[in-house]
Amino acid sequence: MTIAQLLQIFLIAFTVGLSGFCFALARRLRKLNDLESGLGGAIAVMTSEIGRLEKAILLAKAEATSATEALSDEIERAKEERAFWMLQQKFAEAGPTRPARLQRRRRREGMDCDA
């Protein structure tokens, strides 16, 4: 056996080993990309979940915005009502004011109203 023949045998053995490795790697990649049980399925599920979560976030944001606006309106109404009650309280503290008693003016004698 010559060195050339030994190198050819080594090259053939290396090629057979490399082809077996490539076959095993291809089989693993097929399993990994399987849409039902592999990574492909996990990616598909995650993509659909991301879409669902984005919709939920947008809905929650819209609800929070409307709740904020409603709360702002209620706060403004409460401020107006508080100002009204403070004004009422100031009037109550001043004491009840009696309406001035109206008296008829008596006509002064000697003055003519027609003149």
C-alpha atoms as a PDB file:
ATOM      1  CA  MET A   1       0.000   0.000   0.000  1.00  0.00           C
ATOM      2  CA  THR A   2       1.293   3.307  -0.981  1.00  0.00           C
ATOM      3  CA  ILE A   3       0.804   6.691   0.589  1.00  0.00           C
ATOM      4  CA  ALA A   4      -1.527   7.715  -2.240  1.00  0.00           C
ATOM      5  CA  GLN A   5      -3.782   4.723  -1.549  1.00  0.00           C
ATOM      6  CA  LEU A   6      -3.777   5.469   2.228  1.00  0.00           C
ATOM      7  CA  LEU A   7      -4.739   9.080   1.559  1.00  0.00           C
ATOM      8  CA  GLN A   8      -7.590   7.930  -0.715  1.00  0.00           C
ATOM      9  CA  ILE A   9      -8.893   5.538   1.963  1.00  0.00           C
ATOM     10  CA  PHE A  10      -8.652   8.313   4.570  1.00  0.00           C
ATOM     11  CA  LEU A  11     -10.463  10.712   2.198  1.00  0.00           C
ATOM     12  CA  ILE A  12     -13.254   8.179   1.569  1.00  0.00           C
ATOM     13  CA  ALA A  13     -13.680   7.547   5.315  1.00  0.00           C
ATOM     14  CA  PHE A  14     -13.721  11.265   6.027  1.00  0.00           C
ATOM     15  CA  THR A  15     -16.321  11.793   3.267  1.00  0.00           C
ATOM     16  CA  VAL A  16     -18.560   9.016   4.642  1.00  0.00           C
ATOM     17  CA  GLY A  17     -18.316  10.508   8.164  1.00  0.00           C
ATOM     18  CA  LEU A  18     -19.040  14.001   6.881  1.00  0.00           C
ATOM     19  CA  SER A  19     -22.060  12.793   4.879  1.00  0.00           C
ATOM     20  CA  GLY A  20     -23.429  11.059   7.994  1.00  0.00           C
ATOM     21  CA  PHE A  21     -22.989  14.279   9.975  1.00  0.00           C
ATOM     22  CA  CYS A  22     -24.772  16.289   7.249  1.00  0.00           C
ATOM     23  CA  PHE A  23     -27.626  13.756   7.183  1.00  0.00           C
ATOM     24  CA  ALA A  24     -28.065  13.983  10.985  1.00  0.00           C
ATOM     25  CA  LEU A  25     -27.913  17.782  10.850  1.00  0.00           C
ATOM     26  CA  ALA A  26     -30.552  17.933   8.086  1.00  0.00           C
ATOM     27  CA  ARG A  27     -32.834  15.647  10.108  1.00  0.00           C
ATOM     28  CA  ARG A  28     -32.470  17.859  13.185  1.00  0.00           C
ATOM     29  CA  LEU A  29     -33.193  20.998  11.170  1.00  0.00           C
ATOM     30  CA  ARG A  30     -36.359  19.433   9.765  1.00  0.00           C
ATOM     31  CA  LYS A  31     -37.542  18.635  13.291  1.00  0.00           C
ATOM     32  CA  LEU A  32     -36.621  22.121  14.445  1.00  0.00           C
ATOM     33  CA  ASN A  33     -38.598  23.775  11.650  1.00  0.00           C
ATOM     34  CA  ASP A  34     -41.635  21.526  12.100  1.00  0.00           C
ATOM     35  CA  LEU A  35     -44.672  23.832  12.506  1.00  0.00           C
ATOM     36  CA  GLU A  36     -46.442  21.623  15.034  1.00  0.00           C
ATOM     37  CA  SER A  37     -43.765  20.580  17.499  1.00  0.00           C
ATOM     38  CA  GLY A  38     -40.569  22.409  16.597  1.00  0.00           C
ATOM     39  CA  LEU A  39     -39.204  25.896  16.806  1.00  0.00           C
ATOM     40  CA  GLY A  40     -41.275  26.928  13.783  1.00  0.00           C
ATOM     41  CA  GLY A  41     -44.441  26.145  15.714  1.00  0.00           C
ATOM     42  CA  ALA A  42     -43.190  28.058  18.713  1.00  0.00           C
ATOM     43  CA  ILE A  43     -42.395  31.062  16.522  1.00  0.00           C
ATOM     44  CA  ALA A  44     -45.849  30.890  14.900  1.00  0.00           C
ATOM     45  CA  VAL A  45     -47.540  30.743  18.313  1.00  0.00           C
ATOM     46  CA  MET A  46     -45.438  33.621  19.619  1.00  0.00           C
ATOM     47  CA  THR A  47     -46.256  35.730  16.565  1.00  0.00           C
ATOM     48  CA  SER A  48     -49.990  35.210  17.029  1.00  0.00           C
ATOM     49  CA  GLU A  49     -49.673  35.961  20.767  1.00  0.00           C
ATOM     50  CA  ILE A  50     -47.782  39.177  20.026  1.00  0.00           C
ATOM     51  CA  GLY A  51     -50.587  40.286  17.719  1.00  0.00           C
ATOM     52  CA  ARG A  52     -53.186  39.483  20.362  1.00  0.00           C
ATOM     53  CA  LEU A  53     -51.236  41.300  23.063  1.00  0.00           C
ATOM     54  CA  GLU A  54     -50.791  44.384  20.857  1.00  0.00           C
ATOM     55  CA  LYS A  55     -54.570  44.530  20.376  1.00  0.00           C
ATOM     56  CA  ALA A  56     -55.098  44.157  24.127  1.00  0.00           C
ATOM     57  CA  ILE A  57     -52.590  46.934  24.834  1.00  0.00           C
ATOM     58  CA  LEU A  58     -54.315  49.276  22.379  1.00  0.00           C
ATOM     59  CA  LEU A  59     -57.693  48.489  23.937  1.00  0.00           C
ATOM     60  CA  ALA A  60     -56.348  49.081  27.450  1.00  0.00           C
ATOM     61  CA  LYS A  61     -54.769  52.354  26.333  1.00  0.00           C
ATOM     62  CA  ALA A  62     -58.060  53.542  24.843  1.00  0.00           C
ATOM     63  CA  GLU A  63     -59.938  52.602  28.027  1.00  0.00           C
ATOM     64  CA  ALA A  64     -57.341  54.371  30.179  1.00  0.00           C
ATOM     65  CA  THR A  65     -57.621  57.492  28.031  1.00  0.00           C
ATOM     66  CA  SER A  66     -61.408  57.567  28.305  1.00  0.00           C
ATOM     67  CA  ALA A  67     -61.210  56.928  32.069  1.00  0.00           C
ATOM     68  CA  THR A  68     -58.702  59.775  32.412  1.00  0.00           C
ATOM     69  CA  GLU A  69     -60.992  62.139  30.526  1.00  0.00           C
ATOM     70  CA  ALA A  70     -63.986  61.114  32.638  1.00  0.00           C
ATOM     71  CA  LEU A  71     -61.984  61.561  35.832  1.00  0.00           C
ATOM     72  CA  SER A  72     -60.800  64.969  34.665  1.00  0.00           C
ATOM     73  CA  ASP A  73     -64.410  66.023  34.032  1.00  0.00           C
ATOM     74  CA  GLU A  74     -65.438  64.773  37.479  1.00  0.00           C
ATOM     75  CA  ILE A  75     -62.571  66.675  39.108  1.00  0.00           C
ATOM     76  CA  GLU A  76     -63.589  69.895  37.349  1.00  0.00           C
ATOM     77  CA  ARG A  77     -67.196  69.388  38.421  1.00  0.00           C
ATOM     78  CA  ALA A  78     -66.079  68.734  42.002  1.00  0.00           C
ATOM     79  CA  LYS A  79     -63.969  71.914  41.970  1.00  0.00           C
ATOM     80  CA  GLU A  80     -66.948  73.952  40.769  1.00  0.00           C
ATOM     81  CA  GLU A  81     -69.184  72.373  43.391  1.00  0.00           C
ATOM     82  CA  ARG A  82     -66.608  73.018  46.125  1.00  0.00           C
ATOM     83  CA  ALA A  83     -66.361  76.664  45.081  1.00  0.00           C
ATOM     84  CA  PHE A  84     -70.138  76.911  45.232  1.00  0.00           C
ATOM     85  CA  TRP A  85     -70.230  75.367  48.729  1.00  0.00           C
ATOM     86  CA  MET A  86     -67.411  77.618  49.928  1.00  0.00           C
ATOM     87  CA  LEU A  87     -69.400  80.606  48.706  1.00  0.00           C
ATOM     88  CA  GLN A  88     -72.495  79.302  50.491  1.00  0.00           C
ATOM     89  CA  GLN A  89     -70.446  78.850  53.654  1.00  0.00           C
ATOM     90  CA  LYS A  90     -69.140  82.417  53.473  1.00  0.00           C
ATOM     91  CA  PHE A  91     -72.673  83.708  53.187  1.00  0.00           C
ATOM     92  CA  ALA A  92     -73.736  81.554  56.134  1.00  0.00           C
ATOM     93  CA  GLU A  93     -70.830  82.812  58.271  1.00  0.00           C
ATOM     94  CA  ALA A  94     -71.748  86.407  57.565  1.00  0.00           C
ATOM     95  CA  GLY A  95     -74.993  85.759  59.333  1.00  0.00           C
ATOM     96  CA  PRO A  96     -78.468  85.867  58.123  1.00  0.00           C
ATOM     97  CA  THR A  97     -79.133  89.261  56.703  1.00  0.00           C
ATOM     98  CA  ARG A  98     -82.583  90.589  57.261  1.00  0.00           C
ATOM     99  CA  PRO A  99     -84.102  92.246  54.352  1.00  0.00           C
ATOM    100  CA  ALA A 100     -84.478  95.932  54.988  1.00  0.00           C
ATOM    101  CA  ARG A 101     -87.917  96.763  56.060  1.00  0.00           C
ATOM    102  CA  LEU A 102     -89.584  98.745  53.433  1.00  0.00           C
ATOM    103  CA  GLN A 103     -91.589 101.672  54.577  1.00  0.00           C
ATOM    104  CA  ARG A 104     -93.831 103.788  52.575  1.00  0.00           C
ATOM    105  CA  ARG A 105     -92.676 107.245  52.003  1.00  0.00           C
ATOM    106  CA  ARG A 106     -95.009 109.733  53.234  1.00  0.00           C
ATOM    107  CA  ARG A 107     -95.715 112.568  51.042  1.00  0.00           C
ATOM    108  CA  ARG A 108     -94.378 115.669  52.393  1.00  0.00           C
ATOM    109  CA  GLU A 109     -96.952 118.259  52.807  1.00  0.00           C
ATOM    110  CA  GLY A 110     -96.471 121.223  50.677  1.00  0.00           C
ATOM    111  CA  MET A 111     -94.693 119.459  47.822  1.00  0.00           C
ATOM    112  CA  ASP A 112     -96.474 118.959  44.653  1.00  0.00           C
ATOM    113  CA  CYS A 113     -95.772 115.890  42.737  1.00  0.00           C
ATOM    114  CA  ASP A 114     -97.434 117.336  39.647  1.00  0.00           C
ATOM    115  CA  ALA A 115     -95.162 120.319  39.342  1.00  0.00           C
END
